[in-house]
Protein backbone atom coordinates (compact mmCIF):
# COMPACT_ATOMS: atom_id res chain seq x y z
CA MET A 1 22.61 -17.26 45.29
CA LEU A 2 19.66 -19.65 45.06
CA PRO A 3 16.50 -18.97 47.06
CA PRO A 4 15.81 -21.26 50.09
CA GLU A 5 13.01 -23.24 48.41
CA ARG A 6 15.22 -24.05 45.41
CA ARG A 7 18.15 -25.03 47.69
CA GLY A 8 15.83 -27.40 49.56
CA THR A 9 14.61 -28.99 46.32
CA ARG A 10 18.21 -29.43 45.17
CA GLU A 11 19.21 -31.19 48.41
CA ARG A 12 16.19 -33.52 48.24
CA ASN A 13 17.04 -34.47 44.67
CA ARG A 14 20.64 -35.24 45.71
CA TRP A 15 19.61 -37.51 48.60
CA SER A 16 16.87 -39.21 46.56
CA GLY A 17 19.52 -40.13 43.97
CA ALA A 18 21.76 -41.74 46.62
CA LEU A 19 18.93 -43.45 48.49
CA PRO A 20 18.74 -46.63 46.32
CA TRP A 21 22.43 -47.37 46.97
CA VAL A 22 22.32 -46.60 50.69
CA SER A 23 19.24 -48.82 51.13
CA GLY A 24 21.36 -51.93 50.46
CA LEU A 25 23.49 -51.17 53.56
CA LEU A 26 20.44 -51.43 55.81
CA LEU A 27 20.64 -55.26 55.50
CA ALA A 28 24.18 -55.38 56.85
CA PRO A 29 23.21 -55.65 60.62
CA LEU A 30 20.76 -58.44 59.85
CA TRP A 31 23.38 -60.52 58.04
CA TRP A 32 25.90 -59.89 60.82
CA LEU A 33 23.49 -61.37 63.45
CA LEU A 34 22.82 -64.38 61.24
CA SER A 35 26.52 -65.02 60.89
CA LEU A 36 26.93 -65.09 64.66
CA PHE A 37 24.25 -67.74 65.22
CA PHE A 38 24.97 -69.86 62.15
CA VAL A 39 28.73 -70.19 62.28
CA PRO A 40 28.91 -73.45 60.22
CA LEU A 41 26.99 -71.76 57.43
CA LYS A 42 29.09 -68.64 57.56
CA LEU A 43 30.24 -68.69 53.92
CA PRO A 44 26.78 -69.34 52.38
CA VAL A 45 25.24 -66.77 54.68
CA TRP A 46 27.75 -64.15 53.62
CA GLY A 47 27.15 -65.06 49.97
CA LEU A 48 23.44 -64.58 50.49
CA ALA A 49 24.21 -61.33 52.25
CA VAL A 50 26.21 -60.06 49.30
CA LEU A 51 23.49 -61.17 46.88
CA ALA A 52 20.78 -59.52 48.99
CA SER A 53 22.84 -56.35 49.25
CA VAL A 54 23.15 -56.24 45.46
CA LEU A 55 19.43 -56.85 44.93
CA ALA A 56 18.30 -54.57 47.75
CA PRO A 57 18.56 -51.31 45.71
CA MET A 58 16.28 -52.68 42.95
CA PRO A 59 12.99 -51.43 44.46
CA GLY A 60 14.60 -48.06 45.02
CA LEU A 61 15.94 -47.99 41.47
CA MET A 62 12.50 -48.81 40.11
CA LEU A 63 10.96 -46.04 42.17
CA TYR A 64 13.73 -43.71 41.05
CA GLY A 65 13.15 -44.54 37.36
CA ARG A 66 9.43 -44.04 37.76
CA ARG A 67 10.04 -40.70 39.37
CA GLN A 68 12.45 -39.67 36.62
CA ARG A 69 9.93 -40.60 33.92
CA ARG A 70 7.26 -38.58 35.70
CA LEU A 71 9.60 -35.60 35.94
CA ALA A 72 10.51 -35.95 32.25
CA ALA A 73 6.82 -36.02 31.30
CA GLU A 74 6.17 -32.94 33.44
CA ALA A 75 9.15 -31.16 31.86
CA GLU A 76 7.88 -32.03 28.36
CA ALA A 77 4.41 -30.79 29.26
CA ALA A 78 5.95 -27.59 30.64
CA ARG A 79 7.91 -27.09 27.41
CA GLU A 80 4.76 -27.62 25.33
CA THR A 81 2.85 -25.18 27.53
CA ALA A 82 5.66 -22.64 27.19
CA ALA A 83 5.68 -23.04 23.40
CA GLN A 84 1.89 -22.66 23.30
CA LEU A 85 2.07 -19.56 25.48
CA LYS A 86 4.77 -18.14 23.20
CA LEU A 87 2.57 -18.73 20.15
CA GLU A 88 -0.38 -17.08 21.88
CA LEU A 89 1.84 -14.15 22.90
CA ASP A 90 3.06 -13.75 19.31
CA SER A 91 -0.56 -13.88 18.13
CA VAL A 92 -1.55 -11.22 20.66
CA ARG A 93 1.37 -9.04 19.55
CA PHE A 94 0.39 -9.48 15.88
CA ARG A 95 -3.26 -8.64 16.57
CA THR A 96 -2.19 -5.65 18.64
CA ALA A 97 0.00 -4.39 15.81
CA ARG A 98 -2.85 -4.89 13.31
CA LEU A 99 -5.27 -3.06 15.60
CA CYS A 100 -2.80 -0.19 15.94
CA GLU A 101 -2.43 -0.02 12.15
CA ASP A 102 -6.21 -0.13 11.67
CA LEU A 103 -6.67 2.55 14.31
CA SER A 104 -4.02 4.73 12.67
CA ALA A 105 -5.62 4.20 9.23
CA ALA A 106 -9.07 5.01 10.64
CA ASP A 107 -7.68 8.16 12.24
CA ARG A 108 -6.08 9.25 8.96
CA GLN A 109 -9.30 8.49 7.10
CA ALA A 110 -11.33 10.49 9.61
CA ARG A 111 -9.00 13.47 9.27
CA LEU A 112 -9.07 13.13 5.48
CA SER A 113 -12.87 12.96 5.43
CA HIS A 114 -13.05 16.06 7.62
CA GLN A 115 -10.62 17.93 5.35
CA LEU A 116 -12.51 16.88 2.24
CA SER A 117 -15.81 17.87 3.81
CA ILE A 118 -14.47 21.34 4.55
CA LEU A 119 -12.92 21.54 1.09
CA GLY A 120 -16.17 20.43 -0.55
CA GLN A 121 -18.18 23.03 1.34
CA PHE A 122 -15.69 25.73 0.42
CA THR A 123 -15.58 24.60 -3.22
CA ALA A 124 -19.38 24.54 -3.49
CA GLY A 125 -19.57 28.15 -2.29
CA PHE A 126 -16.65 29.17 -4.48
CA MET A 127 -18.13 27.52 -7.56
CA HIS A 128 -21.41 29.34 -7.02
CA GLU A 129 -19.62 32.68 -6.96
CA PHE A 130 -17.24 31.64 -9.73
CA ASN A 131 -19.84 30.46 -12.22
CA ASN A 132 -21.77 33.71 -12.25
CA PRO A 133 -18.97 35.93 -13.61
CA LEU A 134 -17.74 33.06 -15.79
CA SER A 135 -21.17 32.83 -17.43
CA ILE A 136 -21.12 36.58 -18.06
CA VAL A 137 -17.63 36.37 -19.59
CA THR A 138 -18.67 33.44 -21.80
CA SER A 139 -21.79 35.22 -23.05
CA ARG A 140 -19.87 38.45 -23.74
CA LEU A 141 -17.24 36.49 -25.69
CA GLU A 142 -19.96 34.90 -27.80
CA ILE A 143 -21.47 38.34 -28.52
CA LEU A 144 -18.04 39.77 -29.32
CA LEU A 145 -17.33 36.86 -31.65
CA ASP A 146 -20.57 37.56 -33.53
CA GLU A 147 -20.01 41.33 -33.65
CA ARG A 148 -16.38 41.19 -34.87
CA LYS A 149 -16.66 38.23 -37.21
CA GLU A 150 -15.02 40.24 -40.00
CA ASP A 151 -11.76 40.54 -38.02
CA GLU A 152 -10.22 37.07 -38.41
CA ALA A 153 -7.23 37.72 -36.15
CA LEU A 154 -9.42 38.98 -33.33
CA CYS A 155 -11.94 36.17 -33.83
CA ALA A 156 -9.20 33.56 -33.52
CA ASP A 157 -8.16 34.97 -30.14
CA VAL A 158 -11.77 35.30 -28.99
CA ARG A 159 -12.52 31.72 -30.00
CA GLN A 160 -9.55 30.50 -27.96
CA MET A 161 -10.68 32.56 -24.97
CA LEU A 162 -14.23 31.22 -25.36
CA LEU A 163 -12.96 27.63 -25.49
CA GLU A 164 -10.91 28.19 -22.32
CA ALA A 165 -13.88 29.80 -20.54
CA GLN A 166 -16.13 26.89 -21.51
CA TYR A 167 -13.43 24.45 -20.41
CA MET A 168 -13.20 26.21 -17.03
CA GLY A 169 -16.95 25.82 -16.53
CA LYS A 170 -16.86 22.10 -17.40
CA ILE A 171 -13.89 21.25 -15.25
CA ALA A 172 -15.28 23.29 -12.33
CA ARG A 173 -18.44 21.17 -12.33
CA THR A 174 -16.45 17.94 -12.70
CA LEU A 175 -14.05 18.81 -9.88
CA LEU A 176 -16.97 19.60 -7.60
CA GLU A 177 -18.47 16.19 -8.38
CA ALA A 178 -15.11 14.55 -7.72
CA LEU A 179 -14.83 16.19 -4.29
CA ARG A 180 -18.40 15.08 -3.53
CA ARG A 181 -17.48 11.55 -4.69
CA GLU A 182 -20.30 11.41 -7.17
CA ARG A 183 -20.49 11.15 -10.92
CA GLY A 184 -22.51 13.63 -12.88
CA ALA A 185 -25.74 12.46 -14.51
CA GLU A 186 -25.11 14.30 -17.77
CA GLY A 187 -24.17 12.19 -20.76
CA PHE A 188 -20.98 12.57 -22.78
CA GLU A 189 -19.50 11.24 -25.96
CA PRO A 190 -16.50 8.88 -25.79
CA SER A 191 -13.39 10.91 -26.45
CA ALA A 192 -10.17 10.48 -28.39
CA PRO A 193 -7.07 10.64 -26.15
CA PRO A 194 -4.80 12.09 -28.88
CA LYS A 195 -7.06 15.12 -29.23
CA ALA A 196 -7.08 15.75 -25.47
CA MET A 197 -3.29 15.36 -25.35
CA GLU A 198 -2.80 17.91 -28.14
CA GLU A 199 -5.17 20.34 -26.45
CA ALA A 200 -3.31 20.04 -23.12
CA ALA A 201 0.07 20.40 -24.83
CA GLN A 202 -1.14 23.51 -26.64
CA ALA A 203 -2.39 25.04 -23.39
CA TRP A 204 1.05 24.55 -21.79
CA ALA A 205 3.13 25.46 -24.86
CA ARG A 206 4.12 28.94 -23.66
CA PRO A 207 5.09 27.97 -20.05
CA LEU A 208 7.10 25.03 -21.41
CA GLU A 209 8.93 27.33 -23.82
CA GLU A 210 9.60 29.98 -21.16
CA GLN A 211 11.06 27.39 -18.79
CA GLY A 212 13.17 25.81 -21.54
CA VAL A 213 11.51 22.40 -21.25
CA ARG A 214 11.28 20.24 -24.36
CA LEU A 215 7.94 18.49 -24.92
CA GLU A 216 7.80 15.30 -26.98
CA ILE A 217 4.50 13.70 -27.97
CA GLU A 218 4.33 10.08 -29.13
CA MET A 219 0.95 9.01 -30.48
CA ALA A 220 -0.37 5.50 -31.20
CA GLN A 221 -3.55 4.10 -32.63
CA VAL A 222 -6.00 3.60 -29.76
CA PRO A 223 -9.79 3.37 -29.47
CA ARG A 224 -11.91 6.10 -27.97
CA VAL A 225 -12.21 5.99 -24.21
CA ASN A 226 -15.18 6.15 -21.89
CA LEU A 227 -14.24 9.53 -20.37
CA PRO A 228 -15.21 13.11 -21.19
CA GLU A 229 -12.56 14.89 -23.20
CA HIS A 230 -12.18 17.70 -20.66
CA VAL A 231 -11.40 15.16 -17.92
CA ILE A 232 -8.51 13.68 -19.92
CA SER A 233 -7.30 17.18 -20.73
CA GLU A 234 -7.43 18.24 -17.08
CA VAL A 235 -5.53 15.15 -15.94
CA VAL A 236 -2.82 15.67 -18.58
CA ARG A 237 -2.62 19.40 -17.78
CA GLY A 238 -2.19 18.63 -14.10
CA LEU A 239 0.55 16.09 -14.76
CA ILE A 240 2.39 18.52 -17.07
CA ALA A 241 2.16 21.18 -14.35
CA ASN A 242 3.54 18.68 -11.84
CA ALA A 243 6.43 17.86 -14.20
CA LEU A 244 7.21 21.57 -14.74
CA ALA A 245 7.42 22.11 -10.98
CA ALA A 246 9.83 19.16 -10.67
CA LEU A 247 11.99 20.35 -13.61
CA ARG A 248 12.39 23.94 -12.47
CA GLY A 249 16.04 25.02 -12.84
CA ARG A 250 17.26 21.77 -14.45
CA GLU A 251 19.34 21.64 -17.62
CA GLY A 252 18.15 19.47 -20.50
CA ALA A 253 14.67 19.15 -19.01
CA SER A 254 12.17 17.13 -21.04
CA VAL A 255 8.56 15.99 -20.76
CA TRP A 256 7.12 13.09 -22.75
CA LEU A 257 3.47 12.43 -23.55
CA ARG A 258 3.11 8.84 -24.77
CA LEU A 259 0.21 6.69 -25.86
CA ASP A 260 0.94 2.95 -25.71
CA PRO A 261 -0.21 0.89 -28.71
CA TYR A 262 -3.53 -0.80 -28.04
CA ARG A 263 -3.86 -4.49 -28.95
CA ALA A 264 -6.11 -6.47 -26.58
CA GLY A 265 -9.78 -5.84 -25.89
CA ALA A 266 -9.54 -6.60 -22.16
CA SER A 267 -6.85 -3.98 -21.50
CA LYS A 268 -7.00 -0.30 -20.67
CA VAL A 269 -5.87 2.53 -22.90
CA VAL A 270 -2.55 3.65 -21.38
CA LEU A 271 -1.23 7.21 -21.51
CA ARG A 272 2.12 8.09 -19.92
CA VAL A 273 3.37 11.48 -18.76
CA GLU A 274 7.09 11.26 -18.02
CA ASP A 275 9.88 13.66 -17.13
CA ASN A 276 13.61 13.42 -16.44
CA GLY A 277 13.43 15.26 -13.14
CA PRO A 278 14.41 13.98 -9.68
CA GLY A 279 11.39 11.69 -9.35
CA VAL A 280 9.29 11.19 -6.25
CA PRO A 281 11.11 10.29 -2.99
CA GLU A 282 10.41 6.74 -1.87
CA HIS A 283 8.95 7.79 1.48
CA LEU A 284 6.22 9.82 -0.31
CA ARG A 285 5.16 7.24 -2.90
CA ALA A 286 2.67 5.41 -0.66
CA ARG A 287 0.85 8.72 0.03
CA LEU A 288 1.37 10.32 -3.38
CA PHE A 289 -2.33 10.58 -4.25
CA GLU A 290 -3.52 11.84 -0.87
CA PRO A 291 -4.75 15.45 -0.63
CA PHE A 292 -2.64 18.26 0.81
CA LEU A 293 0.62 16.41 0.08
CA THR A 294 3.17 18.61 -1.68
CA GLN A 295 6.92 18.58 -2.28
CA SER A 296 7.12 22.31 -2.88
CA PRO A 297 9.66 23.81 -0.45
CA GLY A 298 7.71 27.06 -0.14
CA ARG A 299 4.37 25.20 0.01
CA GLU A 300 2.94 27.55 -2.60
CA HIS A 301 0.74 24.66 -3.79
CA LEU A 302 -2.13 23.05 -1.90
CA GLY A 303 -1.02 19.54 -2.87
CA LEU A 304 -4.34 18.71 -4.56
CA GLY A 305 -3.24 18.18 -8.18
CA LEU A 306 -2.47 14.46 -8.10
CA PHE A 307 -5.31 13.78 -5.69
CA LEU A 308 -7.88 15.45 -7.97
CA ALA A 309 -6.47 13.75 -11.07
CA ALA A 310 -6.73 10.33 -9.40
CA ARG A 311 -10.23 11.13 -8.11
CA LEU A 312 -11.41 12.26 -11.57
CA LEU A 313 -10.16 9.06 -13.19
CA ASP A 314 -11.66 6.93 -10.44
CA MET A 315 -15.09 8.45 -11.17
CA TYR A 316 -14.91 7.00 -14.70
CA GLU A 317 -13.30 3.64 -13.79
CA GLY A 318 -9.84 4.85 -14.71
CA ARG A 319 -6.66 4.76 -12.68
CA LEU A 320 -3.57 6.88 -12.06
CA ARG A 321 -0.36 5.29 -10.76
CA TYR A 322 3.32 6.16 -10.43
CA GLU A 323 6.45 4.38 -11.60
CA THR A 324 10.10 5.30 -11.54
CA ARG A 325 11.18 6.17 -15.07
CA GLU A 326 13.97 4.10 -16.58
CA GLY A 327 16.99 6.38 -16.79
CA GLY A 328 15.78 8.59 -13.94
CA GLY A 329 12.75 10.76 -13.39
CA ALA A 330 9.04 10.19 -12.87
CA SER A 331 6.45 8.32 -14.94
CA PHE A 332 2.75 8.81 -14.26
CA ILE A 333 0.58 6.19 -15.95
CA VAL A 334 -3.02 7.02 -16.82
CA GLU A 335 -5.22 3.96 -17.46
CA MET A 336 -8.55 4.64 -19.18
CA PRO A 337 -11.38 2.21 -20.03
CA PRO A 338 -11.99 1.89 -23.78
CA ALA A 339 -15.41 2.71 -25.18
CA ARG A 340 -16.91 -0.53 -26.51
CA PHE A 341 -18.27 -1.30 -29.98
CA LEU A 342 -18.10 2.12 -31.57
CA ARG A 343 -18.54 2.52 -35.31
CA GLY A 344 -15.24 2.63 -37.15
CA GLN A 345 -13.12 0.95 -34.47
CA PRO A 346 -11.28 -2.27 -35.42
CA TYR A 347 -13.06 -5.44 -34.33
CA HIS A 348 -9.88 -7.09 -33.05
CA TRP A 349 -9.56 -4.41 -30.34
CA PHE A 350 -12.62 -5.88 -28.61
CA VAL A 351 -12.03 -9.62 -29.13
CA GLY A 352 -8.27 -9.56 -28.51
CA GLY A 353 -5.33 -10.34 -30.75
CA GLU A 354 -4.08 -8.81 -33.95
CA PRO A 355 -6.10 -8.63 -37.18
CA ALA A 356 -5.58 -11.46 -39.64
């Protein structure tokens, strides 16, 4: 049922359409009077009457056409206005969605900054208490190594323990710097990735054997990289630990450590840590390197391993990213900046291309 105002408009439009044709009938009484007084001219008068009746609607038709053109122009303007309003509404919706995304990202960043601030404060206090006994253990191991230097078997074990204690001290300082988002001022020598890979593989040899996981190492000729050796070792150790957690209870489990051949001077040195486990679920990949994210069902881990590895590499202009392994599993790709113009490194590594 139409509202009264629309019914009235509809009736006016109907009568305005019929008005030009009805207007011709208004001349009929005039021609009838003329026919009464001019009987001899009856036929011409009626001819003129018919002609006048035909031409009478012309002014009305002209007015009607003008009105229709005006209405068409108004309708076109209304359609353009509606289209413009629709575009503006879509723009407002898009900006609103972007603002909501930015607000959500800012909220996540604020929570992350707060968590990292608390973690940094805790780590600083922990490192202070941790370094004191670690320094005592390191010094006692050095004394023991000097006192029992005749016992080769014991000295070999003590040397390994001393190396691990020194490694713990280095990585503790580096992790603290990573959490504080600052790079240490101490200098370091460019390191060889194969050496760091072998050291990490040796450290995880026994857990790999106990879990029945096969470790395959594929080396390639690469230049030294602009990272401390203990940083590379810590990143590789963390990725091996991550792979072991994913491979727990799987038959035929394998982990691969691969160095890609290095050819061009503008590229990074690429190290891959791969496994044939279940891989990372797609819904977690966008947040894989955020802190406190873990896939462990019992949540026995803090979910900091990948975050700290990515943060350590970022401090030295490196990068850690994830890819799905061909054939199933996970592939973590470590990109490291090469150290430039070192003695003994092939010239073509820095200018690009293969040697002649």
